[in-house]
Structures are given as structure tokens and as C-alpha cells.
Amino acid sequence: MRPESDRSLLVDLARPVVERFSPGEKELFPLLSEAHFADPGAYAQRDRRPGPLAFGVPEVLVLLTPVALAALTEALGYVVELGMRKGHRVTAAALRRVFQPGPSPVHGAPVELTAQEWAEVRKIVERVAVRGGVAPDQAALIADAVVGQGRLGGEAP
């Protein structure tokens, strides 16, 4: 499974992060998500931000939706690779269970991450957020929220 191919999973995981850290984007989330999927690399290249990703003053405004989607795409790719190395059948449902633990109809052994693996997920999210123009301190908080969403059953720290 390639994480970028399951848009609904990425959207479901990114939405709570965006709503927490950039509530003003809530109404624009669907539009910004579609713009991101049309050109996933644009979030990190201000001079390439077309259409809805182009408004605002680039030095002042960083839209979190495309950054969150890009960060989660890379984090999910890492988890897919880990799961496959551990011999798991990694599906969108299995990934959803990693990042949104709780009762789930997924059968088989869940993909479980060690503390070290969660630390790597955190680094990935933080790195991608900074590359997308998020201030380092805010990127660290976003990374903490993504890891907390997975480790604390949907409750970000």
C-alpha cells in the first residue's frame, strides 16, 4: 500500500491536526486538500504554489493543510515500510488503527510502534513541517500532536 494513494486516510488523519493548529482553515480544508493532492510537492516550494495555495503573504502565512498532508504522507510511508518489515499486511485500516487507536474491525496482529519508531515518526513530521515553512517551535508541537494522536488514542497532548 502506498499512503499517498489513500486520500481519505490522509484527510482523516490531517483534519484534527489542522483544526487544532490552524482553525481558520477548517472551511478551506476540502479545497486545500484537493489542491495538495493535485500537486503534492507545492507545499514546500512557495514559488510553485498555484491556485488556492497562492493566496496570502508567503512570508506571513503558511497554510497548514498541505503541510499536514505532506507530513502524514511521509510518516505513513515510514510506518508502511516498518509494518512490512515486521511481516504485517499493511492496509489503510491497519494504518488508521496505528494513528487512531481504539476498537477496530481490523483482524490480525496490529502494527505496533516502539518508542524509538514513534520518535522517528515525530522527526519526520517535524522535518516536513519545517520544510513547508512552519516555524520550528510550531512544527515541534504539530509533530507532538501527530504522535500523541497515535499513542494516546486520538487525544493529542
N, C-alpha and C. Protein backbone atom coordinates (compact mmCIF):
# COMPACT_ATOMS: atom_id res chain seq x y z
N MET A 1 0.84 -1.19 0.00
CA MET A 1 0.00 0.00 0.00
C MET A 1 0.88 1.25 0.00
N ARG A 2 0.55 2.19 -0.84
CA ARG A 2 1.24 3.47 -0.85
C ARG A 2 0.35 4.48 -0.15
N PRO A 3 0.83 5.13 0.94
CA PRO A 3 -0.01 6.04 1.70
C PRO A 3 -0.62 7.15 0.87
N GLU A 4 0.12 7.65 -0.11
CA GLU A 4 -0.40 8.76 -0.90
C GLU A 4 -1.60 8.34 -1.75
N SER A 5 -1.80 7.03 -1.90
CA SER A 5 -2.93 6.56 -2.71
C SER A 5 -4.24 6.52 -1.93
N ASP A 6 -4.19 6.63 -0.62
CA ASP A 6 -5.41 6.61 0.18
C ASP A 6 -5.70 8.00 0.73
N ARG A 7 -6.32 8.80 -0.11
CA ARG A 7 -6.61 10.18 0.26
C ARG A 7 -7.50 10.28 1.49
N SER A 8 -8.49 9.41 1.60
CA SER A 8 -9.41 9.52 2.74
C SER A 8 -8.68 9.29 4.05
N LEU A 9 -7.73 8.37 4.08
CA LEU A 9 -6.94 8.14 5.29
C LEU A 9 -6.12 9.38 5.63
N LEU A 10 -5.44 9.93 4.65
CA LEU A 10 -4.63 11.13 4.88
C LEU A 10 -5.49 12.30 5.36
N VAL A 11 -6.63 12.49 4.73
CA VAL A 11 -7.53 13.58 5.12
C VAL A 11 -8.03 13.37 6.54
N ASP A 12 -8.42 12.13 6.88
CA ASP A 12 -8.92 11.85 8.23
C ASP A 12 -7.86 12.07 9.30
N LEU A 13 -6.61 11.79 8.98
CA LEU A 13 -5.54 11.99 9.96
C LEU A 13 -5.09 13.44 10.03
N ALA A 14 -5.13 14.14 8.92
CA ALA A 14 -4.67 15.54 8.90
C ALA A 14 -5.70 16.50 9.47
N ARG A 15 -6.98 16.21 9.27
CA ARG A 15 -8.03 17.14 9.69
C ARG A 15 -7.91 17.56 11.16
N PRO A 16 -7.78 16.63 12.13
CA PRO A 16 -7.70 17.08 13.53
C PRO A 16 -6.46 17.93 13.83
N VAL A 17 -5.37 17.67 13.12
CA VAL A 17 -4.15 18.46 13.30
C VAL A 17 -4.39 19.89 12.80
N VAL A 18 -4.98 20.01 11.63
CA VAL A 18 -5.25 21.33 11.06
C VAL A 18 -6.26 22.08 11.94
N GLU A 19 -7.31 21.39 12.36
CA GLU A 19 -8.32 22.06 13.19
C GLU A 19 -7.74 22.54 14.51
N ARG A 20 -6.77 21.82 15.04
CA ARG A 20 -6.16 22.23 16.31
C ARG A 20 -5.20 23.40 16.13
N PHE A 21 -4.38 23.35 15.10
CA PHE A 21 -3.30 24.33 14.96
C PHE A 21 -3.63 25.48 14.01
N SER A 22 -4.63 25.31 13.17
CA SER A 22 -5.00 26.36 12.24
C SER A 22 -6.51 26.34 12.01
N PRO A 23 -7.28 26.63 13.07
CA PRO A 23 -8.73 26.52 12.96
C PRO A 23 -9.35 27.37 11.85
N GLY A 24 -8.68 28.42 11.43
CA GLY A 24 -9.18 29.25 10.35
C GLY A 24 -9.22 28.53 9.01
N GLU A 25 -8.51 27.42 8.90
CA GLU A 25 -8.50 26.66 7.66
C GLU A 25 -9.63 25.63 7.59
N LYS A 26 -10.40 25.51 8.64
CA LYS A 26 -11.42 24.46 8.69
C LYS A 26 -12.34 24.48 7.47
N GLU A 27 -12.85 25.64 7.12
CA GLU A 27 -13.76 25.75 5.98
C GLU A 27 -13.04 25.52 4.65
N LEU A 28 -11.75 25.83 4.60
CA LEU A 28 -10.98 25.68 3.36
C LEU A 28 -10.34 24.30 3.23
N PHE A 29 -10.43 23.50 4.28
CA PHE A 29 -9.74 22.21 4.30
C PHE A 29 -10.01 21.35 3.06
N PRO A 30 -11.28 21.17 2.64
CA PRO A 30 -11.51 20.34 1.44
C PRO A 30 -10.83 20.90 0.19
N LEU A 31 -10.93 22.20 -0.02
CA LEU A 31 -10.32 22.83 -1.18
C LEU A 31 -8.79 22.73 -1.13
N LEU A 32 -8.22 23.01 0.04
CA LEU A 32 -6.77 22.94 0.19
C LEU A 32 -6.26 21.51 0.04
N SER A 33 -7.05 20.56 0.52
CA SER A 33 -6.67 19.15 0.38
C SER A 33 -6.61 18.76 -1.10
N GLU A 34 -7.63 19.14 -1.85
CA GLU A 34 -7.65 18.81 -3.28
C GLU A 34 -6.48 19.49 -4.00
N ALA A 35 -6.19 20.72 -3.64
CA ALA A 35 -5.05 21.42 -4.25
C ALA A 35 -3.75 20.70 -3.93
N HIS A 36 -3.63 20.23 -2.70
CA HIS A 36 -2.42 19.48 -2.32
C HIS A 36 -2.28 18.21 -3.15
N PHE A 37 -3.37 17.45 -3.26
CA PHE A 37 -3.30 16.19 -4.00
C PHE A 37 -3.03 16.42 -5.48
N ALA A 38 -3.42 17.56 -6.01
CA ALA A 38 -3.14 17.89 -7.41
C ALA A 38 -1.66 18.15 -7.63
N ASP A 39 -0.96 18.67 -6.61
CA ASP A 39 0.46 18.98 -6.72
C ASP A 39 1.11 18.83 -5.34
N PRO A 40 1.38 17.58 -4.92
CA PRO A 40 1.86 17.34 -3.56
C PRO A 40 3.17 18.03 -3.20
N GLY A 41 4.00 18.34 -4.16
CA GLY A 41 5.28 18.97 -3.87
C GLY A 41 5.21 20.47 -3.68
N ALA A 42 4.10 21.08 -4.02
CA ALA A 42 3.99 22.53 -4.00
C ALA A 42 4.07 23.13 -2.60
N TYR A 43 3.70 22.37 -1.57
CA TYR A 43 3.69 22.92 -0.21
C TYR A 43 5.05 23.46 0.21
N ALA A 44 6.12 22.88 -0.31
CA ALA A 44 7.47 23.27 0.12
C ALA A 44 8.13 24.24 -0.85
N GLN A 45 7.44 24.62 -1.91
CA GLN A 45 8.04 25.49 -2.91
C GLN A 45 7.12 26.68 -3.14
N ARG A 46 7.35 27.72 -2.38
CA ARG A 46 6.47 28.90 -2.42
C ARG A 46 6.26 29.45 -3.83
N ASP A 47 7.31 29.40 -4.65
CA ASP A 47 7.19 29.95 -5.99
C ASP A 47 6.34 29.08 -6.91
N ARG A 48 6.00 27.85 -6.49
CA ARG A 48 5.17 26.95 -7.31
C ARG A 48 3.75 26.84 -6.79
N ARG A 49 3.39 27.54 -5.74
CA ARG A 49 2.07 27.38 -5.15
C ARG A 49 1.00 27.97 -6.06
N PRO A 50 0.28 27.10 -6.78
CA PRO A 50 -0.75 27.59 -7.68
C PRO A 50 -2.09 27.71 -6.99
N GLY A 51 -3.02 28.35 -7.66
CA GLY A 51 -4.42 28.38 -7.22
C GLY A 51 -4.59 28.70 -5.76
N PRO A 52 -5.36 27.85 -5.04
CA PRO A 52 -5.69 28.16 -3.65
C PRO A 52 -4.48 28.19 -2.73
N LEU A 53 -3.36 27.63 -3.16
CA LEU A 53 -2.18 27.67 -2.31
C LEU A 53 -1.39 28.96 -2.50
N ALA A 54 -1.85 29.85 -3.37
CA ALA A 54 -1.09 31.04 -3.69
C ALA A 54 -1.54 32.29 -2.94
N PHE A 55 -2.70 32.25 -2.27
CA PHE A 55 -3.14 33.49 -1.64
C PHE A 55 -2.42 33.71 -0.31
N GLY A 56 -2.50 34.94 0.18
CA GLY A 56 -1.82 35.28 1.42
C GLY A 56 -0.43 35.79 1.13
N VAL A 57 0.22 36.26 2.15
CA VAL A 57 1.59 36.74 2.03
C VAL A 57 2.50 35.59 2.44
N PRO A 58 3.27 35.03 1.51
CA PRO A 58 4.04 33.83 1.81
C PRO A 58 4.93 33.95 3.05
N GLU A 59 5.48 35.13 3.29
CA GLU A 59 6.36 35.29 4.44
C GLU A 59 5.58 35.26 5.76
N VAL A 60 4.30 35.54 5.72
CA VAL A 60 3.49 35.63 6.93
C VAL A 60 2.59 34.42 7.08
N LEU A 61 2.01 33.96 5.99
CA LEU A 61 1.00 32.92 6.04
C LEU A 61 1.54 31.60 5.52
N VAL A 62 1.43 30.58 6.35
CA VAL A 62 1.74 29.23 5.91
C VAL A 62 0.47 28.43 6.12
N LEU A 63 -0.05 27.89 5.04
CA LEU A 63 -1.25 27.07 5.14
C LEU A 63 -0.86 25.70 5.66
N LEU A 64 -1.49 25.30 6.73
CA LEU A 64 -1.12 24.05 7.39
C LEU A 64 -1.66 22.81 6.69
N THR A 65 -2.79 22.92 6.01
CA THR A 65 -3.39 21.73 5.39
C THR A 65 -2.41 20.99 4.47
N PRO A 66 -1.79 21.64 3.48
CA PRO A 66 -0.87 20.90 2.62
C PRO A 66 0.36 20.39 3.37
N VAL A 67 0.80 21.13 4.36
CA VAL A 67 1.95 20.70 5.16
C VAL A 67 1.59 19.45 5.96
N ALA A 68 0.42 19.46 6.60
CA ALA A 68 -0.01 18.31 7.39
C ALA A 68 -0.18 17.07 6.51
N LEU A 69 -0.77 17.26 5.34
CA LEU A 69 -0.96 16.13 4.42
C LEU A 69 0.39 15.58 3.95
N ALA A 70 1.33 16.46 3.64
CA ALA A 70 2.66 16.01 3.21
C ALA A 70 3.38 15.29 4.34
N ALA A 71 3.30 15.83 5.55
CA ALA A 71 3.97 15.22 6.70
C ALA A 71 3.39 13.84 6.98
N LEU A 72 2.07 13.73 6.94
CA LEU A 72 1.44 12.44 7.20
C LEU A 72 1.71 11.44 6.08
N THR A 73 1.83 11.90 4.86
CA THR A 73 2.19 11.00 3.76
C THR A 73 3.55 10.37 4.03
N GLU A 74 4.52 11.19 4.42
CA GLU A 74 5.85 10.65 4.70
C GLU A 74 5.86 9.77 5.94
N ALA A 75 5.14 10.18 6.98
CA ALA A 75 5.08 9.38 8.21
C ALA A 75 4.41 8.03 7.94
N LEU A 76 3.33 8.04 7.18
CA LEU A 76 2.65 6.79 6.86
C LEU A 76 3.54 5.89 6.00
N GLY A 77 4.29 6.47 5.09
CA GLY A 77 5.24 5.69 4.29
C GLY A 77 6.24 4.97 5.17
N TYR A 78 6.74 5.67 6.17
CA TYR A 78 7.67 5.07 7.12
C TYR A 78 7.00 3.91 7.87
N VAL A 79 5.77 4.12 8.33
CA VAL A 79 5.06 3.07 9.08
C VAL A 79 4.74 1.88 8.18
N VAL A 80 4.39 2.13 6.93
CA VAL A 80 4.14 1.03 5.98
C VAL A 80 5.40 0.18 5.84
N GLU A 81 6.52 0.85 5.63
CA GLU A 81 7.78 0.13 5.48
C GLU A 81 8.09 -0.69 6.73
N LEU A 82 7.91 -0.09 7.90
CA LEU A 82 8.13 -0.82 9.16
C LEU A 82 7.22 -2.04 9.26
N GLY A 83 5.96 -1.83 9.00
CA GLY A 83 5.00 -2.92 9.11
C GLY A 83 5.34 -4.06 8.18
N MET A 84 5.72 -3.73 6.96
CA MET A 84 6.08 -4.78 6.00
C MET A 84 7.33 -5.54 6.47
N ARG A 85 8.30 -4.82 7.02
CA ARG A 85 9.50 -5.48 7.54
C ARG A 85 9.17 -6.40 8.71
N LYS A 86 8.12 -6.04 9.46
CA LYS A 86 7.70 -6.85 10.60
C LYS A 86 6.76 -7.98 10.18
N GLY A 87 6.47 -8.07 8.89
CA GLY A 87 5.64 -9.14 8.37
C GLY A 87 4.14 -8.90 8.45
N HIS A 88 3.73 -7.65 8.60
CA HIS A 88 2.31 -7.32 8.67
C HIS A 88 1.75 -7.05 7.28
N ARG A 89 0.48 -7.31 7.14
CA ARG A 89 -0.25 -6.89 5.94
C ARG A 89 -0.72 -5.47 6.25
N VAL A 90 -0.11 -4.51 5.62
CA VAL A 90 -0.38 -3.11 5.95
C VAL A 90 -1.45 -2.56 5.02
N THR A 91 -2.61 -2.30 5.58
CA THR A 91 -3.74 -1.76 4.84
C THR A 91 -4.06 -0.37 5.39
N ALA A 92 -4.94 0.33 4.71
CA ALA A 92 -5.38 1.63 5.21
C ALA A 92 -6.02 1.48 6.59
N ALA A 93 -6.79 0.41 6.78
CA ALA A 93 -7.44 0.18 8.08
C ALA A 93 -6.39 -0.06 9.17
N ALA A 94 -5.33 -0.79 8.84
CA ALA A 94 -4.27 -1.04 9.82
C ALA A 94 -3.55 0.26 10.17
N LEU A 95 -3.31 1.11 9.16
CA LEU A 95 -2.66 2.40 9.41
C LEU A 95 -3.55 3.31 10.24
N ARG A 96 -4.83 3.28 9.93
CA ARG A 96 -5.78 4.09 10.70
C ARG A 96 -5.71 3.67 12.18
N ARG A 97 -5.60 2.37 12.41
CA ARG A 97 -5.55 1.87 13.79
C ARG A 97 -4.25 2.31 14.49
N VAL A 98 -3.16 2.46 13.74
CA VAL A 98 -1.91 2.93 14.34
C VAL A 98 -2.07 4.37 14.84
N PHE A 99 -2.68 5.22 14.00
CA PHE A 99 -2.77 6.64 14.32
C PHE A 99 -4.06 7.04 15.02
N GLN A 100 -5.04 6.15 15.03
CA GLN A 100 -6.30 6.42 15.73
C GLN A 100 -6.71 5.13 16.46
N PRO A 101 -5.96 4.76 17.49
CA PRO A 101 -6.24 3.50 18.18
C PRO A 101 -7.64 3.47 18.78
N GLY A 102 -8.11 2.29 18.98
CA GLY A 102 -9.42 2.09 19.57
C GLY A 102 -10.04 0.85 18.97
N PRO A 103 -11.30 0.60 19.28
CA PRO A 103 -11.97 -0.57 18.70
C PRO A 103 -11.93 -0.51 17.18
N SER A 104 -11.58 -1.61 16.58
CA SER A 104 -11.44 -1.63 15.13
C SER A 104 -11.80 -3.01 14.59
N PRO A 105 -12.42 -3.05 13.43
CA PRO A 105 -12.76 -4.34 12.84
C PRO A 105 -11.58 -5.01 12.13
N VAL A 106 -10.38 -4.43 12.22
CA VAL A 106 -9.22 -5.00 11.55
C VAL A 106 -8.81 -6.28 12.25
N HIS A 107 -8.63 -7.33 11.47
CA HIS A 107 -8.22 -8.62 12.03
C HIS A 107 -6.72 -8.77 11.86
N GLY A 108 -6.14 -9.64 12.66
CA GLY A 108 -4.72 -9.88 12.59
C GLY A 108 -3.97 -9.00 13.57
N ALA A 109 -2.66 -9.25 13.63
CA ALA A 109 -1.82 -8.51 14.57
C ALA A 109 -1.71 -7.05 14.12
N PRO A 110 -1.92 -6.13 15.05
CA PRO A 110 -1.79 -4.71 14.68
C PRO A 110 -0.33 -4.33 14.47
N VAL A 111 -0.14 -3.30 13.69
CA VAL A 111 1.20 -2.74 13.53
C VAL A 111 1.44 -1.88 14.77
N GLU A 112 2.38 -2.29 15.58
CA GLU A 112 2.68 -1.53 16.79
C GLU A 112 4.07 -0.94 16.66
N LEU A 113 4.20 0.31 17.09
CA LEU A 113 5.47 1.00 17.01
C LEU A 113 6.13 1.07 18.38
N THR A 114 7.43 0.94 18.38
CA THR A 114 8.21 1.10 19.60
C THR A 114 8.36 2.60 19.89
N ALA A 115 8.85 2.91 21.06
CA ALA A 115 9.11 4.32 21.40
C ALA A 115 10.09 4.93 20.40
N GLN A 116 11.08 4.18 20.01
CA GLN A 116 12.07 4.68 19.04
C GLN A 116 11.42 4.93 17.68
N GLU A 117 10.51 4.05 17.27
CA GLU A 117 9.83 4.23 15.99
C GLU A 117 8.89 5.44 16.03
N TRP A 118 8.21 5.64 17.16
CA TRP A 118 7.36 6.83 17.30
C TRP A 118 8.23 8.10 17.27
N ALA A 119 9.43 8.01 17.85
CA ALA A 119 10.35 9.16 17.82
C ALA A 119 10.73 9.48 16.37
N GLU A 120 10.90 8.46 15.55
CA GLU A 120 11.22 8.68 14.14
C GLU A 120 10.02 9.31 13.41
N VAL A 121 8.81 8.85 13.71
CA VAL A 121 7.61 9.46 13.13
C VAL A 121 7.58 10.95 13.48
N ARG A 122 7.88 11.25 14.74
CA ARG A 122 7.89 12.64 15.19
C ARG A 122 8.91 13.47 14.39
N LYS A 123 10.11 12.91 14.20
CA LYS A 123 11.15 13.62 13.43
C LYS A 123 10.71 13.87 11.99
N ILE A 124 10.07 12.88 11.40
CA ILE A 124 9.60 13.01 10.02
C ILE A 124 8.59 14.15 9.92
N VAL A 125 7.60 14.14 10.80
CA VAL A 125 6.56 15.17 10.76
C VAL A 125 7.17 16.55 10.98
N GLU A 126 8.05 16.66 11.96
CA GLU A 126 8.68 17.95 12.25
C GLU A 126 9.51 18.44 11.07
N ARG A 127 10.28 17.55 10.47
CA ARG A 127 11.14 17.93 9.33
C ARG A 127 10.29 18.42 8.15
N VAL A 128 9.23 17.69 7.83
CA VAL A 128 8.39 18.07 6.70
C VAL A 128 7.68 19.40 6.98
N ALA A 129 7.24 19.59 8.21
CA ALA A 129 6.56 20.84 8.56
C ALA A 129 7.51 22.04 8.41
N VAL A 130 8.72 21.90 8.87
CA VAL A 130 9.70 22.99 8.74
C VAL A 130 9.99 23.25 7.26
N ARG A 131 10.15 22.18 6.49
CA ARG A 131 10.39 22.33 5.04
C ARG A 131 9.23 23.06 4.37
N GLY A 132 8.03 22.89 4.92
CA GLY A 132 6.85 23.56 4.36
C GLY A 132 6.66 24.98 4.84
N GLY A 133 7.59 25.48 5.67
CA GLY A 133 7.52 26.88 6.09
C GLY A 133 6.98 27.10 7.49
N VAL A 134 6.69 26.03 8.21
CA VAL A 134 6.21 26.17 9.59
C VAL A 134 7.40 26.49 10.50
N ALA A 135 7.20 27.41 11.42
CA ALA A 135 8.26 27.77 12.37
C ALA A 135 8.66 26.51 13.17
N PRO A 136 9.95 26.36 13.47
CA PRO A 136 10.41 25.16 14.17
C PRO A 136 9.66 24.84 15.47
N ASP A 137 9.35 25.86 16.27
CA ASP A 137 8.64 25.57 17.53
C ASP A 137 7.23 25.06 17.26
N GLN A 138 6.56 25.62 16.27
CA GLN A 138 5.22 25.16 15.89
C GLN A 138 5.29 23.77 15.26
N ALA A 139 6.32 23.52 14.46
CA ALA A 139 6.50 22.20 13.83
C ALA A 139 6.67 21.13 14.91
N ALA A 140 7.39 21.47 15.97
CA ALA A 140 7.58 20.51 17.07
C ALA A 140 6.25 20.19 17.74
N LEU A 141 5.41 21.20 17.93
CA LEU A 141 4.09 20.97 18.54
C LEU A 141 3.20 20.12 17.64
N ILE A 142 3.26 20.37 16.36
CA ILE A 142 2.47 19.59 15.40
C ILE A 142 2.94 18.13 15.42
N ALA A 143 4.24 17.92 15.43
CA ALA A 143 4.78 16.57 15.48
C ALA A 143 4.35 15.87 16.77
N ASP A 144 4.38 16.59 17.88
CA ASP A 144 3.92 16.01 19.15
C ASP A 144 2.45 15.61 19.06
N ALA A 145 1.65 16.44 18.40
CA ALA A 145 0.22 16.14 18.27
C ALA A 145 -0.02 14.90 17.42
N VAL A 146 0.72 14.75 16.33
CA VAL A 146 0.56 13.58 15.48
C VAL A 146 0.95 12.32 16.25
N VAL A 147 2.06 12.37 16.95
CA VAL A 147 2.48 11.21 17.73
C VAL A 147 1.49 10.95 18.87
N GLY A 148 1.03 12.00 19.51
CA GLY A 148 0.05 11.83 20.58
C GLY A 148 -1.25 11.25 20.07
N GLN A 149 -1.65 11.64 18.87
CA GLN A 149 -2.87 11.11 18.26
C GLN A 149 -2.75 9.60 18.11
N GLY A 150 -1.57 9.12 17.77
CA GLY A 150 -1.36 7.68 17.61
C GLY A 150 -1.15 6.95 18.92
N ARG A 151 -0.40 7.54 19.81
CA ARG A 151 -0.05 6.85 21.05
C ARG A 151 -1.12 6.98 22.12
N LEU A 152 -1.91 8.03 22.06
CA LEU A 152 -2.89 8.27 23.12
C LEU A 152 -4.33 8.06 22.66
N GLY A 153 -4.51 7.36 21.56
CA GLY A 153 -5.85 7.03 21.11
C GLY A 153 -6.66 8.19 20.61
N GLY A 154 -6.03 9.08 19.85
CA GLY A 154 -6.76 10.20 19.26
C GLY A 154 -6.70 11.46 20.08
N GLU A 155 -6.20 11.38 21.30
CA GLU A 155 -6.07 12.57 22.15
C GLU A 155 -4.67 13.11 22.01
N ALA A 156 -4.52 14.18 21.31
CA ALA A 156 -3.21 14.80 21.16
C ALA A 156 -2.80 15.46 22.45
N PRO A 157 -1.49 15.48 22.78
CA PRO A 157 -1.05 16.11 24.02
C PRO A 157 -1.28 17.59 24.01
